[in-house]
Protein backbone atom coordinates (compact mmCIF):
# COMPACT_ATOMS: atom_id res chain seq x y z
CA UNK A 1 4.93 26.88 -9.32
CA UNK A 2 8.05 24.20 -8.55
CA UNK A 3 8.42 21.00 -10.09
CA UNK A 4 11.59 19.73 -9.14
CA UNK A 5 10.27 16.61 -6.68
CA UNK A 6 7.81 19.17 -5.68
CA UNK A 7 10.18 20.20 -2.49
CA UNK A 8 10.38 17.19 -0.96
CA UNK A 9 13.26 15.41 0.62
CA UNK A 10 13.31 11.93 -0.23
CA UNK A 11 15.98 11.09 1.74
CA UNK A 12 13.82 11.00 4.78
CA UNK A 13 11.57 8.27 6.64
CA UNK A 14 9.15 7.15 4.56
CA UNK A 15 6.16 8.15 7.38
CA UNK A 16 7.36 11.94 6.61
CA UNK A 17 7.86 11.62 2.76
CA UNK A 18 4.22 9.42 2.35
CA UNK A 19 2.47 12.60 4.72
CA UNK A 20 4.09 14.94 2.30
CA UNK A 21 3.42 13.51 -0.96
CA UNK A 22 -0.54 14.37 -0.12
CA UNK A 23 -1.57 17.26 -2.15
CA UNK A 24 1.35 17.20 -4.85
CA UNK A 25 0.77 16.23 -8.47
CA UNK A 26 2.16 13.31 -10.07
CA UNK A 27 2.18 13.10 -14.01
CA UNK A 28 3.67 10.45 -15.67
CA UNK A 29 4.17 11.50 -19.43
CA UNK A 30 1.50 14.05 -18.66
CA UNK A 31 -0.98 11.98 -17.55
CA UNK A 32 -1.73 12.14 -13.43
CA UNK A 33 -3.44 14.03 -10.22
CA UNK A 34 -3.10 15.15 -7.59
CA UNK A 35 -1.95 11.95 -4.77
CA UNK A 36 -4.36 11.72 -2.48
CA UNK A 37 -3.16 8.52 -0.60
CA UNK A 38 -0.11 7.11 0.61
CA UNK A 39 1.22 4.35 2.53
CA UNK A 40 4.76 4.03 4.11
CA UNK A 41 7.21 0.97 4.68
CA UNK A 42 10.50 0.32 5.93
CA UNK A 43 12.78 -2.84 5.75
CA UNK A 44 12.36 -2.46 9.65
CA UNK A 45 8.27 -3.10 8.96
CA UNK A 46 7.34 -6.72 8.63
CA UNK A 47 4.70 -5.98 6.11
CA UNK A 48 7.16 -4.12 3.59
CA UNK A 49 9.17 -6.15 0.46
CA UNK A 50 12.23 -5.01 2.15
CA UNK A 51 12.07 -6.92 5.46
CA UNK A 52 14.04 -10.04 4.63
CA UNK A 53 16.46 -7.92 2.47
CA UNK A 54 17.24 -7.41 -1.14
CA UNK A 55 16.35 -9.71 -3.60
CA UNK A 56 16.05 -9.05 -7.54
CA UNK A 57 12.46 -8.31 -7.34
CA UNK A 58 12.78 -5.55 -4.40
CA UNK A 59 16.48 -4.50 -5.65
CA UNK A 60 15.15 -0.54 -6.60
CA UNK A 61 14.31 -0.05 -2.65
CA UNK A 62 17.57 -0.74 -1.71
CA UNK A 63 18.76 2.10 -4.68
CA UNK A 64 18.97 6.15 -4.42
CA UNK A 65 15.93 7.50 -3.02
CA UNK A 66 14.05 9.69 -5.15
CA UNK A 67 13.57 6.22 -7.78
CA UNK A 68 10.60 4.36 -8.60
CA UNK A 69 9.98 0.90 -7.56
CA UNK A 70 7.11 -0.83 -9.30
CA UNK A 71 6.07 -4.20 -8.48
CA UNK A 72 3.34 -6.40 -9.53
CA UNK A 73 1.24 -7.06 -6.82
CA UNK A 74 -0.72 -11.11 -6.74
CA UNK A 75 0.36 -10.95 -10.23
CA UNK A 76 -2.25 -9.18 -11.70
CA UNK A 77 -1.65 -5.21 -11.04
CA UNK A 78 1.60 -3.17 -11.34
CA UNK A 79 1.92 -0.60 -8.00
CA UNK A 80 3.99 2.24 -7.56
CA UNK A 81 6.59 2.98 -4.89
CA UNK A 82 8.66 6.20 -4.72
CA UNK A 83 11.95 5.13 -2.81
CA UNK A 84 13.20 6.82 0.32
CA UNK A 85 15.84 7.00 2.95
CA UNK A 86 19.16 6.50 2.06
CA UNK A 87 20.92 3.52 -0.71
CA UNK A 88 20.94 0.36 1.19
CA UNK A 89 17.96 1.36 3.36
CA UNK A 90 15.16 -0.38 1.71
CA UNK A 91 12.03 1.83 2.56
CA UNK A 92 9.15 3.55 0.43
CA UNK A 93 5.82 5.39 -0.18
CA UNK A 94 3.18 3.34 -2.30
CA UNK A 95 0.97 5.95 -4.11
CA UNK A 96 -2.26 4.39 -3.45
CA UNK A 97 -4.57 7.07 -5.04
CA UNK A 98 -4.54 10.35 -7.13
CA UNK A 99 -7.28 12.66 -7.77
CA UNK A 100 -7.26 12.56 -11.95
CA UNK A 101 -6.65 15.39 -12.88
CA UNK A 102 -4.50 15.79 -16.14
CA UNK A 103 -5.12 13.28 -19.40
CA UNK A 104 -8.79 11.95 -18.32
CA UNK A 105 -9.52 10.64 -21.60
CA UNK A 106 -6.09 8.33 -21.50
CA UNK A 107 -7.22 7.23 -18.32
CA UNK A 108 -10.41 6.16 -19.08
CA UNK A 109 -9.25 4.57 -22.50
CA UNK A 110 -6.68 2.88 -20.18
CA UNK A 111 -9.37 1.80 -17.65
CA UNK A 112 -12.44 0.90 -19.32
CA UNK A 113 -14.07 3.19 -16.92
CA UNK A 114 -15.84 6.20 -17.10
CA UNK A 115 -16.41 7.21 -13.74
CA UNK A 116 -13.78 9.85 -12.38
CA UNK A 117 -13.82 8.13 -8.89
CA UNK A 118 -12.75 4.62 -9.70
CA UNK A 119 -9.94 5.79 -12.10
CA UNK A 120 -7.41 6.04 -9.37
CA UNK A 121 -9.03 4.87 -6.49
CA UNK A 122 -6.30 2.04 -5.59
CA UNK A 123 -2.61 1.51 -6.48
CA UNK A 124 -2.89 -1.05 -9.10
CA UNK A 125 -5.92 1.72 -10.89
CA UNK A 126 -3.18 4.18 -10.37
CA UNK A 127 -0.91 2.54 -12.54
CA UNK A 128 -3.04 1.46 -15.19
CA UNK A 129 -4.67 4.95 -15.61
CA UNK A 130 -1.04 6.17 -15.94
CA UNK A 131 0.33 3.35 -17.85
CA UNK A 132 2.71 2.53 -15.45
CA UNK A 133 5.05 -1.03 -16.03
CA UNK A 134 7.96 -2.69 -15.09
CA UNK A 135 9.54 -0.82 -17.68
CA UNK A 136 9.32 2.47 -14.92
CA UNK A 137 11.06 0.37 -12.34
CA UNK A 138 14.13 2.19 -11.04
CA UNK A 139 14.06 5.39 -12.59
CA UNK A 140 14.70 8.64 -11.28
CA UNK A 141 11.61 10.68 -10.29
CA UNK A 142 13.00 13.58 -10.79
CA UNK A 143 13.49 13.46 -14.76
CA UNK A 144 10.64 12.22 -17.58
CA UNK A 145 8.65 10.74 -17.76
CA UNK A 146 7.77 11.52 -14.00
CA UNK A 147 6.99 15.24 -13.44
CA UNK A 148 6.31 16.12 -9.26
CA UNK A 149 4.37 19.19 -8.66
CA UNK A 150 4.51 21.25 -5.36
CA UNK A 151 1.45 21.67 -3.30
CA UNK A 152 -0.28 24.30 -4.43
CA UNK A 153 -2.30 24.93 -1.10
CA UNK A 154 -2.26 23.02 2.27
CA UNK A 155 -4.18 19.84 2.31
CA UNK A 156 -5.84 18.17 5.78
CA UNK A 157 -3.78 15.13 5.94
CA UNK A 158 -5.34 11.98 8.24
CA UNK A 159 -3.34 9.51 9.21
CA UNK A 160 -4.52 5.69 10.08
CA UNK A 161 -3.32 2.26 9.53
CA UNK A 162 -2.37 0.70 6.38
CA UNK A 163 -5.34 -1.70 4.31
CA UNK A 164 -4.92 -4.52 2.10
CA UNK A 165 -1.74 -6.28 4.44
CA UNK A 166 -1.83 -9.17 6.55
CA UNK A 167 1.38 -7.66 8.80
CA UNK A 168 1.41 -4.80 10.95
CA UNK A 169 -1.62 -3.43 10.15
CA UNK A 170 -2.12 -1.13 13.33
CA UNK A 171 0.88 0.78 12.28
CA UNK A 172 -0.91 4.51 11.19
CA UNK A 173 1.49 4.83 8.02
CA UNK A 174 -1.12 5.15 5.56
CA UNK A 175 -2.15 8.94 4.99
CA UNK A 176 -5.13 10.45 3.44
CA UNK A 177 -6.25 13.63 2.13
CA UNK A 178 -9.71 13.97 4.55
CA UNK A 179 -12.40 14.91 2.62
CA UNK A 180 -11.19 13.41 -0.62
CA UNK A 181 -13.55 11.27 -2.99
CA UNK A 182 -10.76 9.43 -4.87
CA UNK A 183 -9.44 7.12 -1.75
CA UNK A 184 -9.26 3.36 -2.09
CA UNK A 185 -11.43 2.90 0.80
CA UNK A 186 -12.86 5.37 3.56
CA UNK A 187 -10.37 6.16 6.37
CA UNK A 188 -10.81 3.95 9.54
CA UNK A 189 -10.83 5.09 12.39
CA UNK A 190 -7.60 4.83 14.55
């Protein structure tokens, strides 16, 4: 089983990387599961944090690819992104949902819920369940506490409009594993 960045080249467009991450196993300190939902963002995308240029908040997105960008959403939830493209470009992939497979008891304790379907079915839930905080911002994905394991089998990947944003919603850069019951929301027809 290959584990070095799951054989994904993070120097490519975020929409390509977002699709390829579906079915990859993400572990943080041994806790995690299979990625079942992602969204791509790019510096030229008005919905991206990097659209207006580099700020102290989004600086990690302008750093090297295959690093984490962690930010707080609405002042409440941490959200995890994987940086893509070349240095200074400002592109990334939001990890929206995973299927919990490893360290499920730790996830339940962190989230305070028993239903596996609710443990990681949204970007804030993913971070809470996996213990992601701003301390992970800027860390390389090819070193502890991160482990990315390549897909063990082919998965059906569906693409559609992104959710939870107010700009460029129609861009089909939300990717999900077809048939997964662990998505943040069902895929709507595009």
